[in-house]
C-alpha atoms as a PDB file:
ATOM      1  CA  UNK A   1       0.091   0.102  -0.103  1.00  0.00           C
ATOM      2  CA  UNK A   2       1.399   3.460  -0.951  1.00  0.00           C
ATOM      3  CA  UNK A   3       1.430   6.137   1.806  1.00  0.00           C
ATOM      4  CA  UNK A   4       0.555   9.568   2.134  1.00  0.00           C
ATOM      5  CA  UNK A   5       2.632  10.995   5.057  1.00  0.00           C
ATOM      6  CA  UNK A   6       0.541  13.229   7.077  1.00  0.00           C
ATOM      7  CA  UNK A   7       1.103  14.163  10.710  1.00  0.00           C
ATOM      8  CA  UNK A   8      -2.333  13.305  11.647  1.00  0.00           C
ATOM      9  CA  UNK A   9      -3.120  10.363  14.004  1.00  0.00           C
ATOM     10  CA  UNK A  10      -6.410   8.661  13.904  1.00  0.00           C
ATOM     11  CA  UNK A  11      -8.104   6.647  16.571  1.00  0.00           C
ATOM     12  CA  UNK A  12      -8.115   3.617  14.261  1.00  0.00           C
ATOM     13  CA  UNK A  13      -5.473   1.360  15.737  1.00  0.00           C
ATOM     14  CA  UNK A  14      -3.582  -0.745  13.181  1.00  0.00           C
ATOM     15  CA  UNK A  15      -0.485  -2.941  12.915  1.00  0.00           C
ATOM     16  CA  UNK A  16       2.182  -2.712  10.305  1.00  0.00           C
ATOM     17  CA  UNK A  17       5.286  -4.291   9.025  1.00  0.00           C
ATOM     18  CA  UNK A  18       7.647  -2.760   6.507  1.00  0.00           C
ATOM     19  CA  UNK A  19      10.514  -4.461   4.562  1.00  0.00           C
ATOM     20  CA  UNK A  20      13.882  -3.104   5.535  1.00  0.00           C
ATOM     21  CA  UNK A  21      12.913  -1.928   8.974  1.00  0.00           C
ATOM     22  CA  UNK A  22      13.336  -5.268  10.942  1.00  0.00           C
ATOM     23  CA  UNK A  23      10.019  -6.882   9.905  1.00  0.00           C
ATOM     24  CA  UNK A  24       7.465  -8.150  12.274  1.00  0.00           C
ATOM     25  CA  UNK A  25       4.213  -6.419  13.532  1.00  0.00           C
ATOM     26  CA  UNK A  26       4.360  -3.158  15.379  1.00  0.00           C
ATOM     27  CA  UNK A  27       1.447  -1.019  16.774  1.00  0.00           C
ATOM     28  CA  UNK A  28       0.964   2.119  14.808  1.00  0.00           C
ATOM     29  CA  UNK A  29      -1.914   4.442  13.557  1.00  0.00           C
ATOM     30  CA  UNK A  30      -3.035   5.082  10.167  1.00  0.00           C
ATOM     31  CA  UNK A  31      -6.251   6.510   8.545  1.00  0.00           C
ATOM     32  CA  UNK A  32      -7.677   7.356   5.085  1.00  0.00           C
ATOM     33  CA  UNK A  33      -9.004  10.723   3.881  1.00  0.00           C
ATOM     34  CA  UNK A  34     -10.570  11.708   0.698  1.00  0.00           C
ATOM     35  CA  UNK A  35     -13.956   9.736   0.472  1.00  0.00           C
ATOM     36  CA  UNK A  36     -14.600   6.361  -1.280  1.00  0.00           C
ATOM     37  CA  UNK A  37     -12.924   7.408  -4.580  1.00  0.00           C
ATOM     38  CA  UNK A  38     -10.016   9.240  -2.958  1.00  0.00           C
ATOM     39  CA  UNK A  39     -10.833  12.435  -5.050  1.00  0.00           C
ATOM     40  CA  UNK A  40     -10.317  14.890  -2.074  1.00  0.00           C
ATOM     41  CA  UNK A  41      -6.945  13.268  -1.271  1.00  0.00           C
ATOM     42  CA  UNK A  42      -4.823  16.283  -2.199  1.00  0.00           C
ATOM     43  CA  UNK A  43      -1.538  17.674  -0.656  1.00  0.00           C
ATOM     44  CA  UNK A  44       0.134  15.981   2.323  1.00  0.00           C
ATOM     45  CA  UNK A  45       3.580  16.067   3.407  1.00  0.00           C
ATOM     46  CA  UNK A  46       5.296  14.010   0.769  1.00  0.00           C
ATOM     47  CA  UNK A  47       4.845  16.449  -1.961  1.00  0.00           C
ATOM     48  CA  UNK A  48       2.921  13.997  -4.265  1.00  0.00           C
ATOM     49  CA  UNK A  49       0.137  16.587  -4.899  1.00  0.00           C
ATOM     50  CA  UNK A  50      -3.237  15.142  -6.280  1.00  0.00           C
ATOM     51  CA  UNK A  51      -2.827  11.485  -5.268  1.00  0.00           C
ATOM     52  CA  UNK A  52      -5.788  10.676  -7.203  1.00  0.00           C
ATOM     53  CA  UNK A  53      -4.570  11.957 -10.456  1.00  0.00           C
ATOM     54  CA  UNK A  54      -1.092  10.617  -9.860  1.00  0.00           C
ATOM     55  CA  UNK A  55      -2.552   7.091 -10.145  1.00  0.00           C
ATOM     56  CA  UNK A  56      -2.466   6.200  -6.338  1.00  0.00           C
ATOM     57  CA  UNK A  57      -6.304   6.204  -6.012  1.00  0.00           C
ATOM     58  CA  UNK A  58      -7.430   4.826  -2.727  1.00  0.00           C
ATOM     59  CA  UNK A  59      -4.121   2.958  -2.069  1.00  0.00           C
ATOM     60  CA  UNK A  60      -2.917   5.599   0.404  1.00  0.00           C
ATOM     61  CA  UNK A  61      -2.972   6.395   4.086  1.00  0.00           C
ATOM     62  CA  UNK A  62      -2.050   9.092   6.460  1.00  0.00           C
ATOM     63  CA  UNK A  63       0.525   8.020   9.044  1.00  0.00           C
ATOM     64  CA  UNK A  64       1.272   8.824  12.645  1.00  0.00           C
ATOM     65  CA  UNK A  65       4.515  10.578  13.261  1.00  0.00           C
ATOM     66  CA  UNK A  66       6.074   7.385  14.484  1.00  0.00           C
ATOM     67  CA  UNK A  67       5.708   5.916  11.110  1.00  0.00           C
ATOM     68  CA  UNK A  68       6.138   9.017   8.932  1.00  0.00           C
ATOM     69  CA  UNK A  69       9.806   9.389  10.146  1.00  0.00           C
ATOM     70  CA  UNK A  70      10.072  13.231   8.993  1.00  0.00           C
ATOM     71  CA  UNK A  71       9.250  12.218   5.324  1.00  0.00           C
ATOM     72  CA  UNK A  72      11.746   9.329   4.906  1.00  0.00           C
ATOM     73  CA  UNK A  73       8.827   6.781   4.538  1.00  0.00           C
ATOM     74  CA  UNK A  74       7.039   8.623   1.879  1.00  0.00           C
ATOM     75  CA  UNK A  75       6.169   5.930  -0.742  1.00  0.00           C
ATOM     76  CA  UNK A  76       7.171   2.991   1.438  1.00  0.00           C
ATOM     77  CA  UNK A  77       4.954  -0.125   1.242  1.00  0.00           C
ATOM     78  CA  UNK A  78       3.208  -1.276   4.261  1.00  0.00           C
ATOM     79  CA  UNK A  79       1.179  -4.324   5.087  1.00  0.00           C
ATOM     80  CA  UNK A  80      -1.668  -3.030   7.308  1.00  0.00           C
ATOM     81  CA  UNK A  81      -3.750  -5.133   9.599  1.00  0.00           C
ATOM     82  CA  UNK A  82      -6.541  -3.964  11.930  1.00  0.00           C
ATOM     83  CA  UNK A  83      -5.839  -5.083  15.448  1.00  0.00           C
ATOM     84  CA  UNK A  84      -9.405  -6.815  15.527  1.00  0.00           C
ATOM     85  CA  UNK A  85      -9.100  -8.267  12.037  1.00  0.00           C
ATOM     86  CA  UNK A  86      -6.722 -10.299   9.922  1.00  0.00           C
ATOM     87  CA  UNK A  87      -7.206  -8.055   6.860  1.00  0.00           C
ATOM     88  CA  UNK A  88      -4.310  -6.895   5.008  1.00  0.00           C
ATOM     89  CA  UNK A  89      -3.366  -5.151   1.659  1.00  0.00           C
ATOM     90  CA  UNK A  90      -0.369  -5.856  -0.553  1.00  0.00           C
ATOM     91  CA  UNK A  91       1.506  -3.165  -2.487  1.00  0.00           C
ATOM     92  CA  UNK A  92       1.757  -3.240  -6.164  1.00  0.00           C
ATOM     93  CA  UNK A  93       2.951  -0.770  -8.753  1.00  0.00           C
ATOM     94  CA  UNK A  94       2.450  -0.715 -12.519  1.00  0.00           C
ATOM     95  CA  UNK A  95       4.385   1.286 -14.974  1.00  0.00           C
ATOM     96  CA  UNK A  96       7.913   2.806 -14.427  1.00  0.00           C
ATOM     97  CA  UNK A  97       9.211   5.305 -11.706  1.00  0.00           C
ATOM     98  CA  UNK A  98       8.035   8.691 -12.521  1.00  0.00           C
ATOM     99  CA  UNK A  99      10.379  11.735 -12.362  1.00  0.00           C
ATOM    100  CA  UNK A 100       8.531  15.156 -12.327  1.00  0.00           C
ATOM    101  CA  UNK A 101      11.066  17.969 -12.948  1.00  0.00           C
ATOM    102  CA  UNK A 102      10.403  21.338 -11.400  1.00  0.00           C
ATOM    103  CA  UNK A 103      12.638  24.322 -10.357  1.00  0.00           C
ATOM    104  CA  UNK A 104      14.860  26.414 -12.559  1.00  0.00           C
ATOM    105  CA  UNK A 105      18.253  26.310 -14.397  1.00  0.00           C
ATOM    106  CA  UNK A 106      20.356  26.044 -11.106  1.00  0.00           C
ATOM    107  CA  UNK A 107      17.720  24.436  -8.898  1.00  0.00           C
ATOM    108  CA  UNK A 108      16.403  21.028 -10.334  1.00  0.00           C
ATOM    109  CA  UNK A 109      13.569  19.765  -7.968  1.00  0.00           C
ATOM    110  CA  UNK A 110      12.598  16.251  -8.954  1.00  0.00           C
ATOM    111  CA  UNK A 111       9.566  14.564  -7.382  1.00  0.00           C
ATOM    112  CA  UNK A 112      10.102  10.775  -7.536  1.00  0.00           C
ATOM    113  CA  UNK A 113       6.789   8.836  -7.541  1.00  0.00           C
ATOM    114  CA  UNK A 114       5.449   5.279  -8.385  1.00  0.00           C
ATOM    115  CA  UNK A 115       8.503   3.543  -6.915  1.00  0.00           C
ATOM    116  CA  UNK A 116       8.140  -0.350  -6.692  1.00  0.00           C
ATOM    117  CA  UNK A 117       9.887  -2.749  -4.551  1.00  0.00           C
ATOM    118  CA  UNK A 118      10.192  -1.166  -0.983  1.00  0.00           C
ATOM    119  CA  UNK A 119       8.433   1.858  -2.333  1.00  0.00           C
ATOM    120  CA  UNK A 120      10.709   4.603  -0.941  1.00  0.00           C
ATOM    121  CA  UNK A 121      13.556   6.394  -2.337  1.00  0.00           C
ATOM    122  CA  UNK A 122      16.275   6.882   0.267  1.00  0.00           C
ATOM    123  CA  UNK A 123      19.009   7.790  -2.239  1.00  0.00           C
ATOM    124  CA  UNK A 124      18.714   9.579  -5.785  1.00  0.00           C
ATOM    125  CA  UNK A 125      21.484  10.444  -8.222  1.00  0.00           C
ATOM    126  CA  UNK A 126      21.224  12.328 -11.566  1.00  0.00           C
ATOM    127  CA  UNK A 127      23.467  12.360 -14.541  1.00  0.00           C
ATOM    128  CA  UNK A 128      23.355  14.605 -17.528  1.00  0.00           C
ATOM    129  CA  UNK A 129      24.730  13.905 -20.895  1.00  0.00           C
ATOM    130  CA  UNK A 130      27.597  16.151 -20.073  1.00  0.00           C
ATOM    131  CA  UNK A 131      28.056  15.347 -16.363  1.00  0.00           C
ATOM    132  CA  UNK A 132      28.918  12.352 -14.360  1.00  0.00           C
ATOM    133  CA  UNK A 133      26.650  10.907 -11.533  1.00  0.00           C
ATOM    134  CA  UNK A 134      25.723  13.384  -8.958  1.00  0.00           C
ATOM    135  CA  UNK A 135      24.071  12.536  -5.649  1.00  0.00           C
ATOM    136  CA  UNK A 136      20.817  14.544  -5.180  1.00  0.00           C
ATOM    137  CA  UNK A 137      19.819  15.750  -1.649  1.00  0.00           C
ATOM    138  CA  UNK A 138      16.305  15.274  -0.211  1.00  0.00           C
ATOM    139  CA  UNK A 139      14.455  18.442  -0.016  1.00  0.00           C
ATOM    140  CA  UNK A 140      11.301  17.272   1.393  1.00  0.00           C
ATOM    141  CA  UNK A 141       8.944  14.322   1.173  1.00  0.00           C
ATOM    142  CA  UNK A 142      10.009  12.726  -1.907  1.00  0.00           C
ATOM    143  CA  UNK A 143      11.275  15.920  -3.719  1.00  0.00           C
ATOM    144  CA  UNK A 144      14.963  15.635  -4.443  1.00  0.00           C
ATOM    145  CA  UNK A 145      17.188  18.515  -5.590  1.00  0.00           C
ATOM    146  CA  UNK A 146      20.394  19.215  -7.677  1.00  0.00           C
ATOM    147  CA  UNK A 147      21.934  22.638  -7.918  1.00  0.00           C
ATOM    148  CA  UNK A 148      23.774  21.833 -11.188  1.00  0.00           C
ATOM    149  CA  UNK A 149      22.948  23.284 -14.434  1.00  0.00           C
ATOM    150  CA  UNK A 150      21.354  20.415 -16.395  1.00  0.00           C
ATOM    151  CA  UNK A 151      19.479  22.256 -19.081  1.00  0.00           C
ATOM    152  CA  UNK A 152      19.935  21.007 -22.851  1.00  0.00           C
ATOM    153  CA  UNK A 153      21.224  17.612 -21.487  1.00  0.00           C
ATOM    154  CA  UNK A 154      19.486  14.050 -21.466  1.00  0.00           C
ATOM    155  CA  UNK A 155      18.929  13.048 -17.905  1.00  0.00           C
ATOM    156  CA  UNK A 156      19.416   9.833 -16.289  1.00  0.00           C
ATOM    157  CA  UNK A 157      18.457   8.939 -12.593  1.00  0.00           C
ATOM    158  CA  UNK A 158      19.615   6.180 -10.129  1.00  0.00           C
ATOM    159  CA  UNK A 159      17.014   5.405  -7.351  1.00  0.00           C
ATOM    160  CA  UNK A 160      17.907   3.321  -4.426  1.00  0.00           C
ATOM    161  CA  UNK A 161      15.164   2.105  -1.882  1.00  0.00           C
ATOM    162  CA  UNK A 162      15.562   1.167   1.796  1.00  0.00           C
ATOM    163  CA  UNK A 163      16.141  -2.528   0.991  1.00  0.00           C
ATOM    164  CA  UNK A 164      19.335  -1.560  -0.732  1.00  0.00           C
ATOM    165  CA  UNK A 165      18.259  -2.073  -4.239  1.00  0.00           C
ATOM    166  CA  UNK A 166      18.879   0.295  -7.043  1.00  0.00           C
ATOM    167  CA  UNK A 167      17.419   0.990 -10.402  1.00  0.00           C
ATOM    168  CA  UNK A 168      19.138   3.110 -13.109  1.00  0.00           C
ATOM    169  CA  UNK A 169      16.864   4.872 -15.543  1.00  0.00           C
ATOM    170  CA  UNK A 170      19.093   5.956 -18.433  1.00  0.00           C
ATOM    171  CA  UNK A 171      18.311   8.821 -20.736  1.00  0.00           C
ATOM    172  CA  UNK A 172      14.778   9.246 -19.305  1.00  0.00           C
ATOM    173  CA  UNK A 173      14.387  12.793 -20.247  1.00  0.00           C
ATOM    174  CA  UNK A 174      15.497  14.092 -23.721  1.00  0.00           C
ATOM    175  CA  UNK A 175      17.883  17.070 -24.233  1.00  0.00           C
ATOM    176  CA  UNK A 176      14.835  19.478 -24.829  1.00  0.00           C
ATOM    177  CA  UNK A 177      12.985  18.541 -21.553  1.00  0.00           C
ATOM    178  CA  UNK A 178      11.368  21.384 -19.737  1.00  0.00           C
ATOM    179  CA  UNK A 179      10.503  22.209 -16.146  1.00  0.00           C
ATOM    180  CA  UNK A 180       7.124  21.024 -15.211  1.00  0.00           C
ATOM    181  CA  UNK A 181       7.320  17.646 -17.300  1.00  0.00           C
ATOM    182  CA  UNK A 182       7.312  14.220 -15.976  1.00  0.00           C
ATOM    183  CA  UNK A 183       9.114  11.185 -17.467  1.00  0.00           C
ATOM    184  CA  UNK A 184       8.912   7.528 -16.766  1.00  0.00           C
ATOM    185  CA  UNK A 185      11.904   5.400 -16.177  1.00  0.00           C
ATOM    186  CA  UNK A 186      12.555   1.764 -15.143  1.00  0.00           C
ATOM    187  CA  UNK A 187      10.979  -0.033 -12.217  1.00  0.00           C
ATOM    188  CA  UNK A 188      11.995  -2.447  -9.535  1.00  0.00           C
END
């Protein structure tokens, strides 16, 4: 299940387990906002914007601060089980990792979404056709930044998740890419 990191805590007690965080079931809180179709699920602390139009639909939850981890768990896949029920939901992604490029010439802000595998991005690197690989820094949520001039270059990205796996998406954006565009790369 994809997550929407919001600092709100619900009274609905749930249990969770997450790959790469020791496994096992732990008590936590999560809730869902936005109605049956998730059409009102907009915003949140991960930077995903309108989750419904991003393709997440109703597969999102708001987490307590214990699980949110200052935004590091944005996109992480959780198995969720109600304390009084054995119900759980598995995490699945279709299509490639999406790279939404915003900012300006010396401030590239890239929103990373639709990450499979563990579901989170804990490290992101960017490579232009005239540069080597450069580690990006996490700005907030799953927005990653580079302060290098990348205009007019094809762009490649390397995404590493909390389970230690990496995927390289070569030449995802063509040399004529523009701020405000989204490109799709490889997937776990």
